Structure formats: structure tokens, C-alpha cells
Protein backbone atom coordinates (compact mmCIF):
# COMPACT_ATOMS: atom_id res chain seq x y z
CA MET A 1 46.74 27.46 98.79
CA ARG A 2 49.67 25.85 97.04
CA LEU A 3 53.16 26.79 98.12
CA THR A 4 55.92 26.84 95.56
CA VAL A 5 59.41 25.55 96.18
CA LYS A 6 60.70 29.13 96.35
CA THR A 7 58.04 30.09 98.91
CA MET A 8 58.87 27.07 101.01
CA ASP A 9 62.55 27.97 100.83
CA ILE A 10 61.82 31.47 102.12
CA ALA A 11 59.52 30.11 104.82
CA SER A 12 62.20 27.62 105.88
CA ARG A 13 64.83 30.34 106.01
CA LYS A 14 62.58 32.55 108.16
CA TYR A 15 61.81 29.68 110.53
CA HIS A 16 65.51 28.81 110.81
CA LEU A 17 66.35 32.46 111.50
CA MET A 18 63.71 32.64 114.24
CA GLU A 19 65.16 29.53 115.85
CA ARG A 20 68.58 31.18 115.87
CA VAL A 21 67.17 34.43 117.30
CA MET A 22 65.63 32.49 120.18
CA LEU A 23 69.12 31.30 121.17
CA LEU A 24 70.75 34.76 121.19
CA SER A 25 72.09 36.29 124.36
CA GLU A 26 70.75 39.68 125.40
CA LYS A 27 73.95 41.35 124.16
CA GLU A 28 73.68 39.64 120.77
CA LEU A 29 69.99 40.57 120.52
CA ASP A 30 70.85 44.21 121.28
CA LYS A 31 73.38 44.18 118.44
CA MET A 32 70.86 42.65 116.06
CA GLU A 33 68.20 45.21 116.97
CA ALA A 34 70.70 48.05 116.50
CA LEU A 35 71.60 46.73 113.06
CA LEU A 36 67.95 46.42 112.03
CA ASN A 37 67.17 49.91 113.32
CA LYS A 38 70.17 51.31 111.43
CA GLU A 39 68.96 49.73 108.20
CA ILE A 40 65.50 51.26 108.66
CA PHE A 41 66.96 54.67 109.49
CA ASP A 42 69.28 54.62 106.49
CA ARG A 43 66.37 53.93 104.11
CA GLU A 44 64.36 56.75 105.65
CA VAL A 45 67.27 59.16 105.31
CA VAL A 46 67.83 58.17 101.68
CA LYS A 47 64.13 58.63 100.93
CA ALA A 48 63.95 62.02 102.66
CA MET A 49 67.10 63.31 100.98
CA THR A 50 65.93 62.09 97.56
CA GLU A 51 62.58 63.83 98.01
CA ARG A 52 64.33 67.01 99.09
CA ALA A 53 66.68 66.95 96.08
CA LEU A 54 63.79 66.37 93.67
CA GLN A 55 61.84 69.25 95.24
CA SER A 56 64.90 71.49 94.94
CA GLU A 57 65.26 70.66 91.25
CA LYS A 58 61.57 71.43 90.74
CA ASP A 59 61.90 74.75 92.59
CA ILE A 60 64.89 75.73 90.45
CA LYS A 61 63.00 74.95 87.23
CA GLU A 62 60.08 77.06 88.49
CA GLY A 63 62.39 79.96 89.32
CA LYS A 64 61.92 79.63 93.07
CA VAL A 65 65.52 80.55 93.88
CA TYR A 66 67.33 83.14 95.99
CA THR A 67 70.48 85.10 95.32
CA ILE A 68 73.33 84.60 97.76
CA GLU A 69 72.53 87.95 99.31
CA GLU A 70 68.84 87.05 99.75
CA ALA A 71 69.70 83.69 101.29
CA ASP A 72 72.20 85.36 103.63
CA SER A 73 69.62 87.95 104.67
CA ARG A 74 66.94 85.30 105.31
CA LEU A 75 69.38 83.22 107.36
CA ASN A 76 70.41 86.22 109.45
CA GLN A 77 66.76 87.11 110.10
CA LYS A 78 66.07 83.59 111.36
CA LEU A 79 69.19 83.52 113.50
CA ASN A 80 68.34 86.89 115.03
CA SER A 81 64.79 85.77 115.80
CA TRP A 82 66.18 82.89 117.91
CA LYS A 83 68.19 85.19 120.17
């Protein structure tokens, strides 16, 4: 397998990053993990909200909509069932 200059550059950057991670204090590592987890969560939220918006547009085009009164009634039924 032949590695290109760009691949080697990425590999070098990853190796250098790992060296730096090994020197982090526990507090710094906690911050880094929190940042990485936030990035993952944000992508998941964006994906879920995009899917929901696309489904809503599809439902509207297919006539799967409620009047305000129907939506209010359905909401009240659900709220009353939780009591």
C-alpha cells in the first residue's frame, strides 16, 4: 500500500494529537471529552430535526394536517390521560 503525501500528513497530525492527549491532565481530558460529546450530540440533533421537518413537509403535501381545534383537542386528550 502506497501512502500519499496528504495521507501521511493526516497520519502525522493524528499521531501528534495523540501525543498531546497523553499529556493532558484529568481536568483537560474531561473538557476535551465534553467538547467531543457536544459535537456528536449537535450533529444528532440537527439530523433528527431535519428528518422531522422533511416528514412534516411530506405530511402537509399528503393532506395529513389538523385544524387548530383538532390539534387542541388531541393535546387535551393526551394531557388528561396523564393525570
